[in-house]
Amino acid sequence: MGELVYLKNVVTLELDQEKCVGCGMCLVVCPHAVLVMNDGHAQIEKRDACMECGACALNCPTEAITVQAGVGCASAVINAVLGRQGDCCL
């Protein structure tokens, strides 16, 4: 199976390199390996593979990562698992 891509060029994921201390928590919690370590700091490698679940931002101790969790496809996946009905992949 190829690399997962949800929607091209719409992901809200942002990384502030100045705030990143290189702890690697974002790499540990990201389900799609969107981030990589580069010279002791996180770097966004596969932006379009991000499903905007928010795990990276939630676990970043320095708030170097921001993402609008609960929007788009991530919201649709979570709501489907919870049995909720409504819009998907907005």
PDB file of N, CA and C in Angstrom:
ATOM      1  N   MET A   1       0.852  -1.185   0.000  1.00  0.00           N
ATOM      2  CA  MET A   1       0.000   0.000   0.000  1.00  0.00           C
ATOM      3  C   MET A   1       0.887   1.234   0.000  1.00  0.00           C
ATOM      4  N   GLY A   2       0.507   2.246  -0.757  1.00  0.00           N
ATOM      5  CA  GLY A   2       1.283   3.475  -0.865  1.00  0.00           C
ATOM      6  C   GLY A   2       1.098   4.373   0.343  1.00  0.00           C
ATOM      7  N   GLU A   3       1.751   5.505   0.296  1.00  0.00           N
ATOM      8  CA  GLU A   3       1.674   6.493   1.366  1.00  0.00           C
ATOM      9  C   GLU A   3       0.284   7.103   1.427  1.00  0.00           C
ATOM     10  N   LEU A   4      -0.239   7.286   2.644  1.00  0.00           N
ATOM     11  CA  LEU A   4      -1.554   7.884   2.826  1.00  0.00           C
ATOM     12  C   LEU A   4      -1.490   9.386   2.589  1.00  0.00           C
ATOM     13  N   VAL A   5      -2.414   9.903   1.817  1.00  0.00           N
ATOM     14  CA  VAL A   5      -2.554  11.333   1.598  1.00  0.00           C
ATOM     15  C   VAL A   5      -4.036  11.635   1.700  1.00  0.00           C
ATOM     16  N   TYR A   6      -4.397  12.599   2.527  1.00  0.00           N
ATOM     17  CA  TYR A   6      -5.801  12.915   2.724  1.00  0.00           C
ATOM     18  C   TYR A   6      -6.268  13.943   1.705  1.00  0.00           C
ATOM     19  N   LEU A   7      -5.807  15.138   1.817  1.00  0.00           N
ATOM     20  CA  LEU A   7      -6.105  16.194   0.861  1.00  0.00           C
ATOM     21  C   LEU A   7      -4.817  16.978   0.655  1.00  0.00           C
ATOM     22  N   LYS A   8      -4.457  17.261  -0.555  1.00  0.00           N
ATOM     23  CA  LYS A   8      -3.194  17.952  -0.839  1.00  0.00           C
ATOM     24  C   LYS A   8      -3.255  19.423  -0.430  1.00  0.00           C
ATOM     25  N   ASN A   9      -2.184  19.851   0.225  1.00  0.00           N
ATOM     26  CA  ASN A   9      -1.941  21.263   0.546  1.00  0.00           C
ATOM     27  C   ASN A   9      -3.038  21.948   1.368  1.00  0.00           C
ATOM     28  N   VAL A  10      -3.680  21.228   2.275  1.00  0.00           N
ATOM     29  CA  VAL A  10      -4.703  21.851   3.121  1.00  0.00           C
ATOM     30  C   VAL A  10      -4.448  21.645   4.616  1.00  0.00           C
ATOM     31  N   VAL A  11      -3.418  20.918   4.967  1.00  0.00           N
ATOM     32  CA  VAL A  11      -3.148  20.589   6.361  1.00  0.00           C
ATOM     33  C   VAL A  11      -2.771  21.842   7.148  1.00  0.00           C
ATOM     34  N   THR A  12      -3.301  21.960   8.353  1.00  0.00           N
ATOM     35  CA  THR A  12      -3.048  23.117   9.210  1.00  0.00           C
ATOM     36  C   THR A  12      -1.806  22.948  10.087  1.00  0.00           C
ATOM     37  N   LEU A  13      -1.092  21.861   9.948  1.00  0.00           N
ATOM     38  CA  LEU A  13       0.082  21.560  10.762  1.00  0.00           C
ATOM     39  C   LEU A  13       1.180  22.596  10.571  1.00  0.00           C
ATOM     40  N   GLU A  14       1.683  23.138  11.682  1.00  0.00           N
ATOM     41  CA  GLU A  14       2.789  24.097  11.658  1.00  0.00           C
ATOM     42  C   GLU A  14       3.785  23.721  12.744  1.00  0.00           C
ATOM     43  N   LEU A  15       5.065  23.957  12.486  1.00  0.00           N
ATOM     44  CA  LEU A  15       6.133  23.658  13.435  1.00  0.00           C
ATOM     45  C   LEU A  15       7.024  24.882  13.572  1.00  0.00           C
ATOM     46  N   ASP A  16       7.177  25.375  14.806  1.00  0.00           N
ATOM     47  CA  ASP A  16       8.046  26.513  15.098  1.00  0.00           C
ATOM     48  C   ASP A  16       9.415  25.966  15.493  1.00  0.00           C
ATOM     49  N   GLN A  17      10.368  26.007  14.576  1.00  0.00           N
ATOM     50  CA  GLN A  17      11.705  25.460  14.809  1.00  0.00           C
ATOM     51  C   GLN A  17      12.394  26.116  16.009  1.00  0.00           C
ATOM     52  N   GLU A  18      12.108  27.376  16.274  1.00  0.00           N
ATOM     53  CA  GLU A  18      12.729  28.102  17.386  1.00  0.00           C
ATOM     54  C   GLU A  18      12.319  27.517  18.739  1.00  0.00           C
ATOM     55  N   LYS A  19      11.100  26.998  18.830  1.00  0.00           N
ATOM     56  CA  LYS A  19      10.590  26.434  20.084  1.00  0.00           C
ATOM     57  C   LYS A  19      10.946  24.965  20.265  1.00  0.00           C
ATOM     58  N   CYS A  20      11.265  24.265  19.187  1.00  0.00           N
ATOM     59  CA  CYS A  20      11.537  22.826  19.249  1.00  0.00           C
ATOM     60  C   CYS A  20      12.833  22.552  20.008  1.00  0.00           C
ATOM     61  N   VAL A  21      12.755  21.646  21.007  1.00  0.00           N
ATOM     62  CA  VAL A  21      13.939  21.263  21.784  1.00  0.00           C
ATOM     63  C   VAL A  21      14.447  19.878  21.390  1.00  0.00           C
ATOM     64  N   GLY A  22      13.808  19.250  20.421  1.00  0.00           N
ATOM     65  CA  GLY A  22      14.273  17.962  19.924  1.00  0.00           C
ATOM     66  C   GLY A  22      13.980  16.777  20.820  1.00  0.00           C
ATOM     67  N   CYS A  23      12.909  16.840  21.598  1.00  0.00           N
ATOM     68  CA  CYS A  23      12.574  15.737  22.510  1.00  0.00           C
ATOM     69  C   CYS A  23      12.086  14.499  21.761  1.00  0.00           C
ATOM     70  N   GLY A  24      11.498  14.686  20.571  1.00  0.00           N
ATOM     71  CA  GLY A  24      11.044  13.574  19.751  1.00  0.00           C
ATOM     72  C   GLY A  24       9.672  13.024  20.086  1.00  0.00           C
ATOM     73  N   MET A  25       8.956  13.646  21.022  1.00  0.00           N
ATOM     74  CA  MET A  25       7.619  13.147  21.370  1.00  0.00           C
ATOM     75  C   MET A  25       6.681  13.165  20.176  1.00  0.00           C
ATOM     76  N   CYS A  26       6.797  14.151  19.325  1.00  0.00           N
ATOM     77  CA  CYS A  26       5.919  14.240  18.152  1.00  0.00           C
ATOM     78  C   CYS A  26       6.116  13.044  17.225  1.00  0.00           C
ATOM     79  N   LEU A  27       7.353  12.574  17.115  1.00  0.00           N
ATOM     80  CA  LEU A  27       7.638  11.413  16.276  1.00  0.00           C
ATOM     81  C   LEU A  27       7.035  10.148  16.872  1.00  0.00           C
ATOM     82  N   VAL A  28       7.061  10.062  18.191  1.00  0.00           N
ATOM     83  CA  VAL A  28       6.550   8.881  18.891  1.00  0.00           C
ATOM     84  C   VAL A  28       5.038   8.762  18.730  1.00  0.00           C
ATOM     85  N   VAL A  29       4.317   9.876  18.834  1.00  0.00           N
ATOM     86  CA  VAL A  29       2.853   9.822  18.851  1.00  0.00           C
ATOM     87  C   VAL A  29       2.193   9.947  17.490  1.00  0.00           C
ATOM     88  N   CYS A  30       2.926  10.374  16.476  1.00  0.00           N
ATOM     89  CA  CYS A  30       2.328  10.563  15.153  1.00  0.00           C
ATOM     90  C   CYS A  30       2.045   9.210  14.499  1.00  0.00           C
ATOM     91  N   PRO A  31       0.773   8.929  14.165  1.00  0.00           N
ATOM     92  CA  PRO A  31       0.433   7.631  13.583  1.00  0.00           C
ATOM     93  C   PRO A  31       0.872   7.454  12.126  1.00  0.00           C
ATOM     94  N   HIS A  32       1.290   8.544  11.466  1.00  0.00           N
ATOM     95  CA  HIS A  32       1.637   8.446  10.047  1.00  0.00           C
ATOM     96  C   HIS A  32       3.047   8.910   9.724  1.00  0.00           C
ATOM     97  N   ALA A  33       3.909   9.004  10.744  1.00  0.00           N
ATOM     98  CA  ALA A  33       5.312   9.382  10.549  1.00  0.00           C
ATOM     99  C   ALA A  33       5.450  10.649   9.702  1.00  0.00           C
ATOM    100  N   VAL A  34       4.686  11.659  10.054  1.00  0.00           N
ATOM    101  CA  VAL A  34       4.702  12.924   9.334  1.00  0.00           C
ATOM    102  C   VAL A  34       5.991  13.705   9.625  1.00  0.00           C
ATOM    103  N   LEU A  35       6.512  13.525  10.837  1.00  0.00           N
ATOM    104  CA  LEU A  35       7.685  14.278  11.264  1.00  0.00           C
ATOM    105  C   LEU A  35       8.927  13.404  11.348  1.00  0.00           C
ATOM    106  N   VAL A  36      10.082  14.023  11.184  1.00  0.00           N
ATOM    107  CA  VAL A  36      11.370  13.344  11.313  1.00  0.00           C
ATOM    108  C   VAL A  36      12.296  14.243  12.137  1.00  0.00           C
ATOM    109  N   MET A  37      13.381  13.667  12.642  1.00  0.00           N
ATOM    110  CA  MET A  37      14.397  14.451  13.342  1.00  0.00           C
ATOM    111  C   MET A  37      15.463  14.855  12.334  1.00  0.00           C
ATOM    112  N   ASN A  38      15.898  16.107  12.419  1.00  0.00           N
ATOM    113  CA  ASN A  38      16.934  16.621  11.536  1.00  0.00           C
ATOM    114  C   ASN A  38      17.813  17.563  12.352  1.00  0.00           C
ATOM    115  N   ASP A  39      19.047  17.190  12.536  1.00  0.00           N
ATOM    116  CA  ASP A  39      19.994  17.994  13.325  1.00  0.00           C
ATOM    117  C   ASP A  39      19.465  18.313  14.719  1.00  0.00           C
ATOM    118  N   GLY A  40      18.852  17.327  15.363  1.00  0.00           N
ATOM    119  CA  GLY A  40      18.389  17.491  16.736  1.00  0.00           C
ATOM    120  C   GLY A  40      17.080  18.225  16.910  1.00  0.00           C
ATOM    121  N   HIS A  41      16.366  18.472  15.818  1.00  0.00           N
ATOM    122  CA  HIS A  41      15.068  19.141  15.889  1.00  0.00           C
ATOM    123  C   HIS A  41      14.077  18.437  14.970  1.00  0.00           C
ATOM    124  N   ALA A  42      12.812  18.529  15.332  1.00  0.00           N
ATOM    125  CA  ALA A  42      11.768  17.936  14.496  1.00  0.00           C
ATOM    126  C   ALA A  42      11.628  18.728  13.207  1.00  0.00           C
ATOM    127  N   GLN A  43      11.189  18.037  12.181  1.00  0.00           N
ATOM    128  CA  GLN A  43      10.956  18.659  10.876  1.00  0.00           C
ATOM    129  C   GLN A  43       9.757  17.976  10.247  1.00  0.00           C
ATOM    130  N   ILE A  44       8.900  18.742   9.598  1.00  0.00           N
ATOM    131  CA  ILE A  44       7.754  18.170   8.893  1.00  0.00           C
ATOM    132  C   ILE A  44       8.255  17.572   7.585  1.00  0.00           C
ATOM    133  N   GLU A  45       8.075  16.269   7.440  1.00  0.00           N
ATOM    134  CA  GLU A  45       8.571  15.552   6.269  1.00  0.00           C
ATOM    135  C   GLU A  45       7.461  15.231   5.273  1.00  0.00           C
ATOM    136  N   LYS A  46       6.294  14.810   5.789  1.00  0.00           N
ATOM    137  CA  LYS A  46       5.186  14.372   4.926  1.00  0.00           C
ATOM    138  C   LYS A  46       3.905  15.108   5.312  1.00  0.00           C
ATOM    139  N   ARG A  47       3.873  16.397   5.071  1.00  0.00           N
ATOM    140  CA  ARG A  47       2.746  17.243   5.495  1.00  0.00           C
ATOM    141  C   ARG A  47       1.392  16.688   5.038  1.00  0.00           C
ATOM    142  N   ASP A  48       1.286  16.251   3.812  1.00  0.00           N
ATOM    143  CA  ASP A  48      -0.005  15.788   3.287  1.00  0.00           C
ATOM    144  C   ASP A  48      -0.456  14.450   3.875  1.00  0.00           C
ATOM    145  N   ALA A  49       0.416  13.769   4.605  1.00  0.00           N
ATOM    146  CA  ALA A  49       0.029  12.524   5.270  1.00  0.00           C
ATOM    147  C   ALA A  49      -0.596  12.791   6.638  1.00  0.00           C
ATOM    148  N   CYS A  50      -0.541  14.041   7.089  1.00  0.00           N
ATOM    149  CA  CYS A  50      -1.099  14.410   8.401  1.00  0.00           C
ATOM    150  C   CYS A  50      -2.618  14.332   8.358  1.00  0.00           C
ATOM    151  N   MET A  51      -3.203  13.637   9.356  1.00  0.00           N
ATOM    152  CA  MET A  51      -4.655  13.555   9.421  1.00  0.00           C
ATOM    153  C   MET A  51      -5.229  14.506  10.467  1.00  0.00           C
ATOM    154  N   GLU A  52      -4.382  15.400  10.970  1.00  0.00           N
ATOM    155  CA  GLU A  52      -4.781  16.446  11.904  1.00  0.00           C
ATOM    156  C   GLU A  52      -5.430  15.900  13.173  1.00  0.00           C
ATOM    157  N   CYS A  53      -4.872  14.811  13.694  1.00  0.00           N
ATOM    158  CA  CYS A  53      -5.418  14.236  14.927  1.00  0.00           C
ATOM    159  C   CYS A  53      -5.047  15.069  16.154  1.00  0.00           C
ATOM    160  N   GLY A  54      -3.937  15.810  16.071  1.00  0.00           N
ATOM    161  CA  GLY A  54      -3.540  16.685  17.160  1.00  0.00           C
ATOM    162  C   GLY A  54      -2.627  16.061  18.197  1.00  0.00           C
ATOM    163  N   ALA A  55      -2.275  14.792  18.036  1.00  0.00           N
ATOM    164  CA  ALA A  55      -1.435  14.112  19.025  1.00  0.00           C
ATOM    165  C   ALA A  55      -0.076  14.784  19.180  1.00  0.00           C
ATOM    166  N   CYS A  56       0.513  15.230  18.088  1.00  0.00           N
ATOM    167  CA  CYS A  56       1.830  15.865  18.143  1.00  0.00           C
ATOM    168  C   CYS A  56       1.768  17.159  18.956  1.00  0.00           C
ATOM    169  N   ALA A  57       0.791  18.004  18.677  1.00  0.00           N
ATOM    170  CA  ALA A  57       0.654  19.279  19.377  1.00  0.00           C
ATOM    171  C   ALA A  57       0.332  19.063  20.852  1.00  0.00           C
ATOM    172  N   LEU A  58      -0.521  18.114  21.126  1.00  0.00           N
ATOM    173  CA  LEU A  58      -0.911  17.828  22.504  1.00  0.00           C
ATOM    174  C   LEU A  58       0.260  17.349  23.351  1.00  0.00           C
ATOM    175  N   ASN A  59       1.185  16.623  22.739  1.00  0.00           N
ATOM    176  CA  ASN A  59       2.312  16.047  23.469  1.00  0.00           C
ATOM    177  C   ASN A  59       3.601  16.852  23.370  1.00  0.00           C
ATOM    178  N   CYS A  60       3.587  17.968  22.682  1.00  0.00           N
ATOM    179  CA  CYS A  60       4.784  18.807  22.556  1.00  0.00           C
ATOM    180  C   CYS A  60       4.943  19.647  23.822  1.00  0.00           C
ATOM    181  N   PRO A  61       6.030  19.444  24.579  1.00  0.00           N
ATOM    182  CA  PRO A  61       6.204  20.159  25.849  1.00  0.00           C
ATOM    183  C   PRO A  61       6.490  21.653  25.694  1.00  0.00           C
ATOM    184  N   THR A  62       6.887  22.086  24.503  1.00  0.00           N
ATOM    185  CA  THR A  62       7.220  23.499  24.296  1.00  0.00           C
ATOM    186  C   THR A  62       6.224  24.218  23.394  1.00  0.00           C
ATOM    187  N   GLU A  63       5.143  23.537  23.022  1.00  0.00           N
ATOM    188  CA  GLU A  63       4.114  24.096  22.142  1.00  0.00           C
ATOM    189  C   GLU A  63       4.704  24.577  20.816  1.00  0.00           C
ATOM    190  N   ALA A  64       5.678  23.826  20.306  1.00  0.00           N
ATOM    191  CA  ALA A  64       6.301  24.158  19.026  1.00  0.00           C
ATOM    192  C   ALA A  64       5.425  23.755  17.849  1.00  0.00           C
ATOM    193  N   ILE A  65       4.459  22.874  18.090  1.00  0.00           N
ATOM    194  CA  ILE A  65       3.601  22.374  17.015  1.00  0.00           C
ATOM    195  C   ILE A  65       2.177  22.861  17.233  1.00  0.00           C
ATOM    196  N   THR A  66       1.566  23.318  16.142  1.00  0.00           N
ATOM    197  CA  THR A  66       0.157  23.684  16.173  1.00  0.00           C
ATOM    198  C   THR A  66      -0.549  22.978  15.017  1.00  0.00           C
ATOM    199  N   VAL A  67      -1.786  22.609  15.262  1.00  0.00           N
ATOM    200  CA  VAL A  67      -2.615  21.971  14.243  1.00  0.00           C
ATOM    201  C   VAL A  67      -4.070  22.108  14.688  1.00  0.00           C
ATOM    202  N   GLN A  68      -4.957  22.313  13.750  1.00  0.00           N
ATOM    203  CA  GLN A  68      -6.375  22.410  14.081  1.00  0.00           C
ATOM    204  C   GLN A  68      -6.943  21.001  14.153  1.00  0.00           C
ATOM    205  N   ALA A  69      -6.805  20.395  15.304  1.00  0.00           N
ATOM    206  CA  ALA A  69      -7.283  19.025  15.496  1.00  0.00           C
ATOM    207  C   ALA A  69      -8.799  18.972  15.413  1.00  0.00           C
ATOM    208  N   GLY A  70      -9.295  17.852  14.898  1.00  0.00           N
ATOM    209  CA  GLY A  70     -10.734  17.640  14.833  1.00  0.00           C
ATOM    210  C   GLY A  70     -11.389  18.222  13.596  1.00  0.00           C
ATOM    211  N   VAL A  71     -10.586  18.588  12.607  1.00  0.00           N
ATOM    212  CA  VAL A  71     -11.157  19.088  11.359  1.00  0.00           C
ATOM    213  C   VAL A  71     -10.857  18.089  10.253  1.00  0.00           C
ATOM    214  N   GLY A  72     -11.542  18.225   9.160  1.00  0.00           N
ATOM    215  CA  GLY A  72     -11.252  17.404   7.989  1.00  0.00           C
ATOM    216  C   GLY A  72     -11.420  15.921   8.209  1.00  0.00           C
ATOM    217  N   CYS A  73     -10.535  15.159   7.590  1.00  0.00           N
ATOM    218  CA  CYS A  73     -10.632  13.704   7.599  1.00  0.00           C
ATOM    219  C   CYS A  73     -10.452  13.098   8.979  1.00  0.00           C
ATOM    220  N   ALA A  74      -9.613  13.695   9.807  1.00  0.00           N
ATOM    221  CA  ALA A  74      -9.420  13.164  11.163  1.00  0.00           C
ATOM    222  C   ALA A  74     -10.741  13.168  11.917  1.00  0.00           C
ATOM    223  N   SER A  75     -11.476  14.243  11.782  1.00  0.00           N
ATOM    224  CA  SER A  75     -12.773  14.336  12.443  1.00  0.00           C
ATOM    225  C   SER A  75     -13.728  13.274  11.921  1.00  0.00           C
ATOM    226  N   ALA A  76     -13.717  13.046  10.632  1.00  0.00           N
ATOM    227  CA  ALA A  76     -14.593  12.037  10.039  1.00  0.00           C
ATOM    228  C   ALA A  76     -14.255  10.650  10.547  1.00  0.00           C
ATOM    229  N   VAL A  77     -12.973  10.333  10.637  1.00  0.00           N
ATOM    230  CA  VAL A  77     -12.548   9.018  11.121  1.00  0.00           C
ATOM    231  C   VAL A  77     -12.965   8.823  12.573  1.00  0.00           C
ATOM    232  N   ILE A  78     -12.688   9.815  13.412  1.00  0.00           N
ATOM    233  CA  ILE A  78     -13.022   9.727  14.837  1.00  0.00           C
ATOM    234  C   ILE A  78     -14.534   9.605  15.022  1.00  0.00           C
ATOM    235  N   ASN A  79     -15.293  10.437  14.331  1.00  0.00           N
ATOM    236  CA  ASN A  79     -16.749  10.389  14.465  1.00  0.00           C
ATOM    237  C   ASN A  79     -17.322   9.062  13.987  1.00  0.00           C
ATOM    238  N   ALA A  80     -16.769   8.500  12.937  1.00  0.00           N
ATOM    239  CA  ALA A  80     -17.238   7.198  12.444  1.00  0.00           C
ATOM    240  C   ALA A  80     -16.982   6.103  13.473  1.00  0.00           C
ATOM    241  N   VAL A  81     -15.814   6.128  14.094  1.00  0.00           N
ATOM    242  CA  VAL A  81     -15.482   5.131  15.114  1.00  0.00           C
ATOM    243  C   VAL A  81     -16.426   5.252  16.308  1.00  0.00           C
ATOM    244  N   LEU A  82     -16.798   6.488  16.637  1.00  0.00           N
ATOM    245  CA  LEU A  82     -17.700   6.724  17.766  1.00  0.00           C
ATOM    246  C   LEU A  82     -19.168   6.540  17.397  1.00  0.00           C
ATOM    247  N   GLY A  83     -19.452   6.217  16.123  1.00  0.00           N
ATOM    248  CA  GLY A  83     -20.823   5.984  15.690  1.00  0.00           C
ATOM    249  C   GLY A  83     -21.620   7.236  15.446  1.00  0.00           C
ATOM    250  N   ARG A  84     -20.936   8.371  15.352  1.00  0.00           N
ATOM    251  CA  ARG A  84     -21.633   9.629  15.104  1.00  0.00           C
ATOM    252  C   ARG A  84     -21.901   9.807  13.621  1.00  0.00           C
ATOM    253  N   GLN A  85     -22.939  10.541  13.292  1.00  0.00           N
ATOM    254  CA  GLN A  85     -23.296  10.803  11.902  1.00  0.00           C
ATOM    255  C   GLN A  85     -23.051  12.272  11.616  1.00  0.00           C
ATOM    256  N   GLY A  86     -22.781  12.610  10.380  1.00  0.00           N
ATOM    257  CA  GLY A  86     -22.610  14.011  10.000  1.00  0.00           C
ATOM    258  C   GLY A  86     -21.651  14.150   8.855  1.00  0.00           C
ATOM    259  N   ASP A  87     -21.207  15.391   8.655  1.00  0.00           N
ATOM    260  CA  ASP A  87     -20.307  15.705   7.561  1.00  0.00           C
ATOM    261  C   ASP A  87     -18.957  15.005   7.743  1.00  0.00           C
ATOM    262  N   CYS A  88     -18.312  14.720   6.639  1.00  0.00           N
ATOM    263  CA  CYS A  88     -16.982  14.135   6.710  1.00  0.00           C
ATOM    264  C   CYS A  88     -16.056  14.832   5.724  1.00  0.00           C
ATOM    265  N   CYS A  89     -14.790  14.814   6.023  1.00  0.00           N
ATOM    266  CA  CYS A  89     -13.748  15.404   5.157  1.00  0.00           C
ATOM    267  C   CYS A  89     -14.153  16.790   4.644  1.00  0.00           C
ATOM    268  N   LEU A  90     -14.464  17.678   5.566  1.00  0.00           N
ATOM    269  CA  LEU A  90     -14.915  19.022   5.208  1.00  0.00           C
ATOM    270  C   LEU A  90     -13.878  19.790   4.465  1.00  0.00           C
TER     271      LEU A  90
END
